[in-house]
Amino acid sequence: MKFTILTCLIIFTVSVNAADKRIYSTDAIGNRQYDKPSYTITDNGRIYETDTIGNRRYDKQSYRIEGNKIVPTDSIGNRQYDKPNFEIK
């Protein structure tokens, strides 16, 4: 019974993390910069800053993809109109 529950939890954990895409900072050669923040894009279009381990930093600025624009949001997901948004080309 414990093995079945453990197996289900592992499968669930792997499937949840598989939907997220990571963006890493790189240098001119293409090496990852582990001392700089990376970003996680979820399947619903939210962009979170992550630390070097991969934990989301909810206390930092987050973004949301809306069409061809990236708009800043607060930790709850409400759009922040006083901050600039970016356009995807």
N, C-alpha and C. Protein backbone atom coordinates (compact mmCIF):
# COMPACT_ATOMS: atom_id res chain seq x y z
N MET A 1 0.82 -1.19 0.00
CA MET A 1 0.00 0.00 0.00
C MET A 1 0.87 1.26 0.00
N LYS A 2 1.89 1.27 0.84
CA LYS A 2 2.77 2.44 0.90
C LYS A 2 3.51 2.62 -0.42
N PHE A 3 3.90 1.51 -1.04
CA PHE A 3 4.59 1.58 -2.32
C PHE A 3 3.69 2.18 -3.40
N THR A 4 2.42 1.81 -3.40
CA THR A 4 1.47 2.33 -4.38
C THR A 4 1.28 3.83 -4.20
N ILE A 5 1.15 4.28 -2.98
CA ILE A 5 0.98 5.71 -2.71
C ILE A 5 2.24 6.48 -3.11
N LEU A 6 3.39 5.93 -2.78
CA LEU A 6 4.65 6.58 -3.13
C LEU A 6 4.81 6.67 -4.65
N THR A 7 4.46 5.61 -5.35
CA THR A 7 4.53 5.62 -6.81
C THR A 7 3.59 6.66 -7.41
N CYS A 8 2.38 6.75 -6.89
CA CYS A 8 1.42 7.75 -7.38
C CYS A 8 1.93 9.17 -7.13
N LEU A 9 2.52 9.41 -5.98
CA LEU A 9 3.05 10.74 -5.67
C LEU A 9 4.21 11.11 -6.60
N ILE A 10 5.08 10.15 -6.88
CA ILE A 10 6.20 10.42 -7.78
C ILE A 10 5.71 10.72 -9.18
N ILE A 11 4.74 9.96 -9.67
CA ILE A 11 4.20 10.20 -11.01
C ILE A 11 3.52 11.56 -11.07
N PHE A 12 2.78 11.91 -10.03
CA PHE A 12 2.11 13.21 -9.99
C PHE A 12 3.13 14.35 -9.98
N THR A 13 4.18 14.21 -9.20
CA THR A 13 5.22 15.24 -9.11
C THR A 13 5.92 15.42 -10.44
N VAL A 14 6.25 14.35 -11.10
CA VAL A 14 6.93 14.43 -12.38
C VAL A 14 6.02 15.05 -13.43
N SER A 15 4.73 14.70 -13.42
CA SER A 15 3.82 15.24 -14.43
C SER A 15 3.55 16.72 -14.21
N VAL A 16 3.54 17.18 -12.97
CA VAL A 16 3.32 18.60 -12.69
C VAL A 16 4.51 19.42 -13.14
N ASN A 17 5.72 18.97 -12.87
CA ASN A 17 6.91 19.71 -13.26
C ASN A 17 7.18 19.63 -14.75
N ALA A 18 6.66 18.63 -15.43
CA ALA A 18 6.91 18.48 -16.86
C ALA A 18 6.19 19.56 -17.66
N ALA A 19 5.13 20.15 -17.13
CA ALA A 19 4.39 21.17 -17.86
C ALA A 19 5.11 22.52 -17.84
N ASP A 20 6.00 22.73 -16.90
CA ASP A 20 6.70 24.00 -16.79
C ASP A 20 7.91 24.03 -17.72
N LYS A 21 8.18 25.22 -18.28
CA LYS A 21 9.36 25.42 -19.11
C LYS A 21 10.28 26.37 -18.36
N ARG A 22 11.60 26.13 -18.44
CA ARG A 22 12.57 26.96 -17.74
C ARG A 22 13.38 27.77 -18.73
N ILE A 23 13.68 29.02 -18.36
CA ILE A 23 14.55 29.90 -19.13
C ILE A 23 15.73 30.24 -18.24
N TYR A 24 16.93 29.96 -18.72
CA TYR A 24 18.14 30.21 -17.96
C TYR A 24 18.91 31.38 -18.55
N SER A 25 19.63 32.12 -17.70
CA SER A 25 20.53 33.16 -18.16
C SER A 25 21.80 32.48 -18.67
N THR A 26 22.30 32.94 -19.82
CA THR A 26 23.52 32.38 -20.39
C THR A 26 24.49 33.49 -20.73
N ASP A 27 25.76 33.12 -20.89
CA ASP A 27 26.76 34.08 -21.31
C ASP A 27 26.88 34.05 -22.83
N ALA A 28 27.88 34.75 -23.38
CA ALA A 28 28.03 34.86 -24.83
C ALA A 28 28.34 33.51 -25.49
N ILE A 29 28.97 32.60 -24.78
CA ILE A 29 29.32 31.29 -25.32
C ILE A 29 28.12 30.34 -25.26
N GLY A 30 27.22 30.56 -24.33
CA GLY A 30 26.06 29.70 -24.19
C GLY A 30 26.06 28.90 -22.90
N ASN A 31 27.00 29.16 -22.01
CA ASN A 31 27.05 28.48 -20.72
C ASN A 31 26.01 29.07 -19.78
N ARG A 32 25.36 28.21 -18.98
CA ARG A 32 24.38 28.68 -18.00
C ARG A 32 25.06 29.49 -16.91
N GLN A 33 24.38 30.55 -16.52
CA GLN A 33 24.85 31.38 -15.41
C GLN A 33 24.06 30.97 -14.17
N TYR A 34 24.64 30.11 -13.36
CA TYR A 34 23.93 29.58 -12.20
C TYR A 34 23.76 30.61 -11.09
N ASP A 35 24.57 31.66 -11.09
CA ASP A 35 24.46 32.68 -10.05
C ASP A 35 23.41 33.73 -10.40
N LYS A 36 22.83 33.68 -11.60
CA LYS A 36 21.79 34.63 -12.00
C LYS A 36 20.44 33.94 -11.99
N PRO A 37 19.37 34.72 -11.83
CA PRO A 37 18.04 34.08 -11.73
C PRO A 37 17.61 33.45 -13.05
N SER A 38 16.79 32.42 -12.93
CA SER A 38 16.16 31.81 -14.09
C SER A 38 14.66 32.03 -13.96
N TYR A 39 13.92 31.72 -15.00
CA TYR A 39 12.48 31.95 -15.00
C TYR A 39 11.75 30.67 -15.38
N THR A 40 10.58 30.49 -14.81
CA THR A 40 9.72 29.35 -15.11
C THR A 40 8.46 29.86 -15.77
N ILE A 41 8.09 29.26 -16.90
CA ILE A 41 6.85 29.60 -17.58
C ILE A 41 5.90 28.44 -17.39
N THR A 42 4.75 28.70 -16.77
CA THR A 42 3.77 27.66 -16.54
C THR A 42 2.88 27.50 -17.77
N ASP A 43 2.09 26.44 -17.79
CA ASP A 43 1.26 26.18 -18.96
C ASP A 43 0.11 27.18 -19.11
N ASN A 44 -0.21 27.95 -18.08
CA ASN A 44 -1.26 28.95 -18.19
C ASN A 44 -0.72 30.34 -18.53
N GLY A 45 0.59 30.46 -18.85
CA GLY A 45 1.16 31.72 -19.29
C GLY A 45 1.76 32.58 -18.21
N ARG A 46 1.85 32.10 -16.99
CA ARG A 46 2.48 32.88 -15.91
C ARG A 46 3.98 32.67 -15.94
N ILE A 47 4.74 33.73 -15.66
CA ILE A 47 6.20 33.68 -15.65
C ILE A 47 6.66 34.05 -14.25
N TYR A 48 7.42 33.16 -13.60
CA TYR A 48 7.93 33.37 -12.25
C TYR A 48 9.45 33.32 -12.27
N GLU A 49 10.07 34.16 -11.45
CA GLU A 49 11.50 34.06 -11.25
C GLU A 49 11.76 32.88 -10.31
N THR A 50 12.81 32.11 -10.60
CA THR A 50 13.15 30.98 -9.76
C THR A 50 14.58 31.12 -9.27
N ASP A 51 14.87 30.50 -8.14
CA ASP A 51 16.22 30.54 -7.61
C ASP A 51 17.05 29.42 -8.24
N THR A 52 18.29 29.24 -7.77
CA THR A 52 19.19 28.27 -8.37
C THR A 52 18.73 26.84 -8.17
N ILE A 53 17.95 26.57 -7.15
CA ILE A 53 17.45 25.22 -6.90
C ILE A 53 16.23 24.92 -7.76
N GLY A 54 15.46 25.93 -8.12
CA GLY A 54 14.27 25.74 -8.93
C GLY A 54 12.99 26.12 -8.21
N ASN A 55 13.11 26.68 -7.01
CA ASN A 55 11.93 27.13 -6.27
C ASN A 55 11.46 28.47 -6.81
N ARG A 56 10.16 28.63 -6.96
CA ARG A 56 9.60 29.89 -7.46
C ARG A 56 9.76 30.97 -6.40
N ARG A 57 10.11 32.17 -6.85
CA ARG A 57 10.27 33.32 -5.97
C ARG A 57 9.02 34.18 -6.08
N TYR A 58 8.06 33.92 -5.21
CA TYR A 58 6.80 34.65 -5.24
C TYR A 58 6.94 36.09 -4.75
N ASP A 59 8.04 36.39 -4.06
CA ASP A 59 8.25 37.76 -3.58
C ASP A 59 8.84 38.67 -4.65
N LYS A 60 9.25 38.13 -5.78
CA LYS A 60 9.81 38.91 -6.88
C LYS A 60 8.72 39.21 -7.91
N GLN A 61 9.04 40.07 -8.87
CA GLN A 61 8.10 40.45 -9.93
C GLN A 61 7.75 39.23 -10.78
N SER A 62 6.46 39.03 -11.04
CA SER A 62 6.01 37.97 -11.93
C SER A 62 5.32 38.60 -13.13
N TYR A 63 5.15 37.81 -14.18
CA TYR A 63 4.58 38.31 -15.43
C TYR A 63 3.54 37.32 -15.94
N ARG A 64 2.74 37.77 -16.92
CA ARG A 64 1.75 36.93 -17.56
C ARG A 64 1.79 37.21 -19.06
N ILE A 65 1.66 36.17 -19.87
CA ILE A 65 1.64 36.33 -21.32
C ILE A 65 0.20 36.52 -21.75
N GLU A 66 -0.08 37.65 -22.42
CA GLU A 66 -1.41 37.95 -22.95
C GLU A 66 -1.26 38.25 -24.44
N GLY A 67 -1.59 37.30 -25.28
CA GLY A 67 -1.45 37.49 -26.72
C GLY A 67 0.01 37.62 -27.09
N ASN A 68 0.40 38.76 -27.64
CA ASN A 68 1.79 39.00 -27.99
C ASN A 68 2.47 39.97 -27.03
N LYS A 69 1.92 40.12 -25.83
CA LYS A 69 2.50 41.01 -24.82
C LYS A 69 2.79 40.25 -23.53
N ILE A 70 3.80 40.72 -22.82
CA ILE A 70 4.13 40.21 -21.49
C ILE A 70 3.84 41.34 -20.52
N VAL A 71 2.87 41.13 -19.62
CA VAL A 71 2.45 42.18 -18.71
C VAL A 71 2.87 41.82 -17.28
N PRO A 72 3.29 42.81 -16.49
CA PRO A 72 3.68 42.54 -15.10
C PRO A 72 2.45 42.28 -14.23
N THR A 73 2.59 41.36 -13.28
CA THR A 73 1.51 41.05 -12.36
C THR A 73 2.05 41.01 -10.94
N ASP A 74 1.14 41.08 -9.98
CA ASP A 74 1.55 40.91 -8.59
C ASP A 74 1.55 39.42 -8.25
N SER A 75 1.77 39.08 -6.99
CA SER A 75 1.87 37.68 -6.59
C SER A 75 0.56 36.91 -6.76
N ILE A 76 -0.57 37.61 -6.76
CA ILE A 76 -1.87 36.95 -6.92
C ILE A 76 -2.19 36.74 -8.39
N GLY A 77 -1.68 37.58 -9.26
CA GLY A 77 -1.94 37.48 -10.69
C GLY A 77 -2.67 38.68 -11.26
N ASN A 78 -2.91 39.70 -10.43
CA ASN A 78 -3.55 40.92 -10.92
C ASN A 78 -2.54 41.75 -11.71
N ARG A 79 -2.99 42.31 -12.82
CA ARG A 79 -2.12 43.11 -13.68
C ARG A 79 -1.73 44.41 -12.98
N GLN A 80 -0.48 44.80 -13.13
CA GLN A 80 0.02 46.05 -12.58
C GLN A 80 0.16 47.06 -13.72
N TYR A 81 -0.73 48.05 -13.74
CA TYR A 81 -0.77 49.01 -14.82
C TYR A 81 0.30 50.09 -14.70
N ASP A 82 0.90 50.25 -13.52
CA ASP A 82 1.91 51.29 -13.34
C ASP A 82 3.30 50.86 -13.80
N LYS A 83 3.47 49.61 -14.23
CA LYS A 83 4.76 49.11 -14.68
C LYS A 83 4.70 48.83 -16.18
N PRO A 84 5.83 48.95 -16.88
CA PRO A 84 5.81 48.76 -18.33
C PRO A 84 5.58 47.31 -18.73
N ASN A 85 4.93 47.13 -19.89
CA ASN A 85 4.77 45.79 -20.42
C ASN A 85 5.68 45.63 -21.63
N PHE A 86 5.89 44.40 -22.06
CA PHE A 86 6.82 44.08 -23.14
C PHE A 86 6.07 43.43 -24.28
N GLU A 87 6.58 43.60 -25.49
CA GLU A 87 5.95 43.03 -26.67
C GLU A 87 6.81 41.90 -27.23
N ILE A 88 6.19 40.79 -27.60
CA ILE A 88 6.89 39.65 -28.19
C ILE A 88 6.91 39.84 -29.69
N LYS A 89 8.08 39.76 -30.28
CA LYS A 89 8.20 39.91 -31.74
C LYS A 89 8.66 38.63 -32.35
